[in-house]
Amino acid sequence: MPVTHFRIRWPDQTEETCYSPSSIVRDYFVAGEDYAMEAFLARARQALGTASDRVRAKYGYACSSATDQLERIETAAASFDGQPEARVVFLGFDH
């Protein structure tokens, strides 16, 4: 269950490096793709939720870091409410 960092670009062109406790996020995102905000959030919720579930299955407790990362993503995304054209670019995975 390798830790995976991934990079995104928000609609205002700021870039962020994000954390997942599992490489499962690779199943949800494609490097270089841009996603409508709601689609990006749905994928992030699924990916980080699944990653946390994998931690729970292995260690007996959820991953609070995955939950924290999702909260940061959702907080940042909220600043683009009211912008239906807002898109997030998935820049890729750090090696």
N, C-alpha and C. Protein backbone atom coordinates (compact mmCIF):
# COMPACT_ATOMS: atom_id res chain seq x y z
N MET A 1 0.84 -1.17 0.00
CA MET A 1 0.00 0.00 0.00
C MET A 1 0.89 1.24 0.00
N PRO A 2 1.53 1.49 -1.12
CA PRO A 2 2.46 2.62 -1.15
C PRO A 2 1.77 3.98 -1.10
N VAL A 3 2.32 4.85 -0.29
CA VAL A 3 1.87 6.24 -0.25
C VAL A 3 2.04 6.83 -1.64
N THR A 4 1.07 7.61 -2.07
CA THR A 4 1.11 8.22 -3.38
C THR A 4 0.81 9.71 -3.26
N HIS A 5 1.65 10.51 -3.86
CA HIS A 5 1.41 11.96 -3.94
C HIS A 5 1.00 12.27 -5.37
N PHE A 6 0.05 13.19 -5.50
CA PHE A 6 -0.39 13.59 -6.82
C PHE A 6 -0.55 15.10 -6.86
N ARG A 7 -0.43 15.64 -8.07
CA ARG A 7 -0.46 17.08 -8.23
C ARG A 7 -1.67 17.50 -9.06
N ILE A 8 -2.29 18.60 -8.64
CA ILE A 8 -3.44 19.15 -9.34
C ILE A 8 -3.25 20.64 -9.56
N ARG A 9 -3.99 21.17 -10.54
CA ARG A 9 -4.01 22.62 -10.77
C ARG A 9 -5.48 23.06 -10.68
N TRP A 10 -5.70 24.00 -9.77
CA TRP A 10 -7.03 24.54 -9.55
C TRP A 10 -7.38 25.52 -10.67
N PRO A 11 -8.65 25.89 -10.82
CA PRO A 11 -9.05 26.82 -11.88
C PRO A 11 -8.34 28.17 -11.83
N ASP A 12 -7.86 28.59 -10.67
CA ASP A 12 -7.14 29.88 -10.58
C ASP A 12 -5.65 29.72 -10.88
N GLN A 13 -5.27 28.55 -11.36
CA GLN A 13 -3.91 28.21 -11.79
C GLN A 13 -2.95 27.90 -10.63
N THR A 14 -3.43 27.87 -9.41
CA THR A 14 -2.57 27.44 -8.31
C THR A 14 -2.44 25.93 -8.38
N GLU A 15 -1.27 25.46 -8.01
CA GLU A 15 -1.00 24.02 -8.02
C GLU A 15 -0.87 23.52 -6.59
N GLU A 16 -1.24 22.28 -6.40
CA GLU A 16 -1.21 21.68 -5.07
C GLU A 16 -0.75 20.22 -5.18
N THR A 17 0.05 19.81 -4.23
CA THR A 17 0.43 18.41 -4.12
C THR A 17 -0.43 17.79 -3.04
N CYS A 18 -1.04 16.67 -3.37
CA CYS A 18 -1.97 15.99 -2.48
C CYS A 18 -1.42 14.63 -2.08
N TYR A 19 -1.99 14.08 -1.02
CA TYR A 19 -1.52 12.84 -0.41
C TYR A 19 -2.60 11.77 -0.45
N SER A 20 -2.19 10.56 -0.70
CA SER A 20 -3.06 9.39 -0.54
C SER A 20 -2.22 8.30 0.13
N PRO A 21 -2.81 7.56 1.09
CA PRO A 21 -2.07 6.48 1.73
C PRO A 21 -1.95 5.24 0.85
N SER A 22 -2.58 5.28 -0.31
CA SER A 22 -2.60 4.11 -1.19
C SER A 22 -2.48 4.55 -2.65
N SER A 23 -1.92 3.69 -3.45
CA SER A 23 -1.79 3.97 -4.88
C SER A 23 -3.12 3.78 -5.61
N ILE A 24 -4.17 3.44 -4.92
CA ILE A 24 -5.48 3.25 -5.54
C ILE A 24 -5.92 4.50 -6.30
N VAL A 25 -5.42 5.66 -5.91
CA VAL A 25 -5.81 6.90 -6.61
C VAL A 25 -5.45 6.82 -8.09
N ARG A 26 -4.50 6.00 -8.44
CA ARG A 26 -4.12 5.84 -9.85
C ARG A 26 -5.27 5.26 -10.68
N ASP A 27 -6.20 4.58 -10.01
CA ASP A 27 -7.35 4.01 -10.71
C ASP A 27 -8.45 5.04 -10.98
N TYR A 28 -8.34 6.20 -10.39
CA TYR A 28 -9.40 7.20 -10.47
C TYR A 28 -9.06 8.42 -11.31
N PHE A 29 -7.77 8.65 -11.54
CA PHE A 29 -7.35 9.86 -12.25
C PHE A 29 -6.37 9.52 -13.36
N VAL A 30 -6.36 10.37 -14.37
CA VAL A 30 -5.44 10.22 -15.50
C VAL A 30 -4.60 11.48 -15.59
N ALA A 31 -3.30 11.31 -15.61
CA ALA A 31 -2.38 12.45 -15.71
C ALA A 31 -2.68 13.23 -16.99
N GLY A 32 -2.75 14.56 -16.84
CA GLY A 32 -2.97 15.43 -17.97
C GLY A 32 -4.45 15.71 -18.26
N GLU A 33 -5.34 14.98 -17.63
CA GLU A 33 -6.78 15.19 -17.85
C GLU A 33 -7.27 16.37 -17.02
N ASP A 34 -8.27 17.05 -17.56
CA ASP A 34 -8.93 18.06 -16.74
C ASP A 34 -10.36 17.58 -16.48
N TYR A 35 -10.83 17.89 -15.28
CA TYR A 35 -12.11 17.40 -14.81
C TYR A 35 -12.99 18.57 -14.40
N ALA A 36 -14.27 18.49 -14.74
CA ALA A 36 -15.22 19.45 -14.20
C ALA A 36 -15.15 19.32 -12.68
N MET A 37 -15.37 20.42 -11.97
CA MET A 37 -15.19 20.43 -10.52
C MET A 37 -15.97 19.31 -9.83
N GLU A 38 -17.23 19.15 -10.15
CA GLU A 38 -18.04 18.12 -9.48
C GLU A 38 -17.51 16.72 -9.79
N ALA A 39 -17.07 16.49 -11.01
CA ALA A 39 -16.50 15.18 -11.36
C ALA A 39 -15.20 14.94 -10.61
N PHE A 40 -14.38 15.99 -10.51
CA PHE A 40 -13.13 15.85 -9.76
C PHE A 40 -13.42 15.53 -8.30
N LEU A 41 -14.36 16.25 -7.69
CA LEU A 41 -14.69 16.01 -6.29
C LEU A 41 -15.23 14.60 -6.08
N ALA A 42 -16.07 14.14 -6.98
CA ALA A 42 -16.61 12.78 -6.85
C ALA A 42 -15.49 11.75 -6.92
N ARG A 43 -14.56 11.92 -7.83
CA ARG A 43 -13.43 10.99 -7.94
C ARG A 43 -12.53 11.06 -6.71
N ALA A 44 -12.28 12.28 -6.23
CA ALA A 44 -11.43 12.44 -5.05
C ALA A 44 -12.07 11.77 -3.83
N ARG A 45 -13.37 11.96 -3.66
CA ARG A 45 -14.08 11.33 -2.54
C ARG A 45 -13.98 9.81 -2.62
N GLN A 46 -14.19 9.28 -3.81
CA GLN A 46 -14.12 7.83 -3.99
C GLN A 46 -12.71 7.32 -3.77
N ALA A 47 -11.74 7.97 -4.40
CA ALA A 47 -10.35 7.51 -4.33
C ALA A 47 -9.82 7.56 -2.90
N LEU A 48 -10.00 8.69 -2.23
CA LEU A 48 -9.46 8.82 -0.88
C LEU A 48 -10.26 8.00 0.12
N GLY A 49 -11.55 7.82 -0.12
CA GLY A 49 -12.35 6.94 0.73
C GLY A 49 -11.90 5.49 0.61
N THR A 50 -11.65 5.06 -0.61
CA THR A 50 -11.17 3.70 -0.84
C THR A 50 -9.78 3.52 -0.24
N ALA A 51 -8.93 4.51 -0.38
CA ALA A 51 -7.58 4.45 0.19
C ALA A 51 -7.67 4.31 1.71
N SER A 52 -8.53 5.09 2.34
CA SER A 52 -8.71 5.01 3.79
C SER A 52 -9.25 3.64 4.20
N ASP A 53 -10.18 3.11 3.40
CA ASP A 53 -10.72 1.77 3.68
C ASP A 53 -9.64 0.70 3.61
N ARG A 54 -8.70 0.86 2.70
CA ARG A 54 -7.59 -0.10 2.61
C ARG A 54 -6.72 -0.05 3.86
N VAL A 55 -6.51 1.14 4.38
CA VAL A 55 -5.76 1.28 5.63
C VAL A 55 -6.53 0.60 6.75
N ARG A 56 -7.83 0.82 6.80
CA ARG A 56 -8.67 0.20 7.83
C ARG A 56 -8.59 -1.34 7.76
N ALA A 57 -8.65 -1.86 6.56
CA ALA A 57 -8.59 -3.31 6.38
C ALA A 57 -7.25 -3.88 6.85
N LYS A 58 -6.19 -3.14 6.64
CA LYS A 58 -4.86 -3.64 7.00
C LYS A 58 -4.50 -3.39 8.46
N TYR A 59 -4.87 -2.20 8.98
CA TYR A 59 -4.41 -1.82 10.31
C TYR A 59 -5.53 -1.71 11.36
N GLY A 60 -6.77 -1.77 10.92
CA GLY A 60 -7.88 -1.73 11.87
C GLY A 60 -8.41 -0.34 12.17
N TYR A 61 -7.93 0.67 11.48
CA TYR A 61 -8.43 2.04 11.68
C TYR A 61 -8.32 2.81 10.36
N ALA A 62 -9.20 3.78 10.21
CA ALA A 62 -9.20 4.59 8.99
C ALA A 62 -7.98 5.51 8.97
N CYS A 63 -7.67 6.00 7.80
CA CYS A 63 -6.53 6.91 7.65
C CYS A 63 -6.99 8.36 7.80
N SER A 64 -6.63 8.97 8.89
CA SER A 64 -7.02 10.36 9.12
C SER A 64 -6.34 11.30 8.13
N SER A 65 -5.19 10.94 7.63
CA SER A 65 -4.51 11.80 6.65
C SER A 65 -5.30 11.85 5.33
N ALA A 66 -5.91 10.74 4.95
CA ALA A 66 -6.74 10.74 3.74
C ALA A 66 -7.97 11.61 3.95
N THR A 67 -8.57 11.52 5.13
CA THR A 67 -9.72 12.35 5.47
C THR A 67 -9.34 13.82 5.47
N ASP A 68 -8.19 14.13 6.06
CA ASP A 68 -7.70 15.52 6.09
C ASP A 68 -7.46 16.04 4.68
N GLN A 69 -6.87 15.21 3.82
CA GLN A 69 -6.60 15.64 2.45
C GLN A 69 -7.90 15.93 1.72
N LEU A 70 -8.88 15.06 1.88
CA LEU A 70 -10.17 15.29 1.23
C LEU A 70 -10.81 16.58 1.74
N GLU A 71 -10.69 16.84 3.02
CA GLU A 71 -11.24 18.08 3.58
C GLU A 71 -10.56 19.30 2.96
N ARG A 72 -9.23 19.24 2.77
CA ARG A 72 -8.51 20.36 2.15
C ARG A 72 -8.97 20.56 0.70
N ILE A 73 -9.17 19.45 -0.01
CA ILE A 73 -9.64 19.53 -1.39
C ILE A 73 -11.03 20.16 -1.44
N GLU A 74 -11.92 19.70 -0.57
CA GLU A 74 -13.29 20.23 -0.58
C GLU A 74 -13.33 21.71 -0.17
N THR A 75 -12.49 22.10 0.76
CA THR A 75 -12.42 23.50 1.17
C THR A 75 -11.94 24.37 0.01
N ALA A 76 -10.89 23.93 -0.66
CA ALA A 76 -10.37 24.69 -1.81
C ALA A 76 -11.42 24.75 -2.93
N ALA A 77 -12.09 23.64 -3.18
CA ALA A 77 -13.10 23.59 -4.24
C ALA A 77 -14.25 24.55 -3.96
N ALA A 78 -14.59 24.73 -2.69
CA ALA A 78 -15.69 25.61 -2.32
C ALA A 78 -15.45 27.05 -2.77
N SER A 79 -14.18 27.43 -2.90
CA SER A 79 -13.88 28.80 -3.32
C SER A 79 -14.26 29.04 -4.79
N PHE A 80 -14.58 27.96 -5.52
CA PHE A 80 -14.97 28.09 -6.92
C PHE A 80 -16.47 27.87 -7.12
N ASP A 81 -17.23 27.82 -6.02
CA ASP A 81 -18.69 27.71 -6.12
C ASP A 81 -19.22 28.86 -6.96
N GLY A 82 -20.22 28.59 -7.73
CA GLY A 82 -20.79 29.63 -8.58
C GLY A 82 -20.04 29.80 -9.89
N GLN A 83 -19.04 28.95 -10.13
CA GLN A 83 -18.29 29.00 -11.38
C GLN A 83 -18.48 27.66 -12.10
N PRO A 84 -19.59 27.50 -12.82
CA PRO A 84 -19.91 26.20 -13.42
C PRO A 84 -18.87 25.71 -14.42
N GLU A 85 -18.07 26.62 -14.94
CA GLU A 85 -17.04 26.21 -15.91
C GLU A 85 -15.73 25.79 -15.24
N ALA A 86 -15.67 25.88 -13.91
CA ALA A 86 -14.43 25.57 -13.18
C ALA A 86 -13.99 24.14 -13.43
N ARG A 87 -12.71 23.98 -13.75
CA ARG A 87 -12.15 22.66 -14.02
C ARG A 87 -10.84 22.50 -13.25
N VAL A 88 -10.55 21.27 -12.89
CA VAL A 88 -9.31 20.93 -12.20
C VAL A 88 -8.47 20.08 -13.14
N VAL A 89 -7.21 20.45 -13.30
CA VAL A 89 -6.30 19.66 -14.14
C VAL A 89 -5.53 18.73 -13.22
N PHE A 90 -5.56 17.46 -13.57
CA PHE A 90 -4.78 16.46 -12.83
C PHE A 90 -3.42 16.39 -13.49
N LEU A 91 -2.42 16.96 -12.83
CA LEU A 91 -1.10 17.09 -13.44
C LEU A 91 -0.33 15.77 -13.47
N GLY A 92 -0.53 14.93 -12.46
CA GLY A 92 0.16 13.65 -12.47
C GLY A 92 0.54 13.19 -11.08
N PHE A 93 1.27 12.10 -11.07
CA PHE A 93 1.71 11.47 -9.83
C PHE A 93 3.19 11.74 -9.62
N ASP A 94 3.56 12.01 -8.39
CA ASP A 94 4.98 12.14 -8.07
C ASP A 94 5.56 10.75 -7.90
N HIS A 95 6.79 10.60 -8.28
CA HIS A 95 7.41 9.27 -8.21
C HIS A 95 8.20 9.08 -6.96
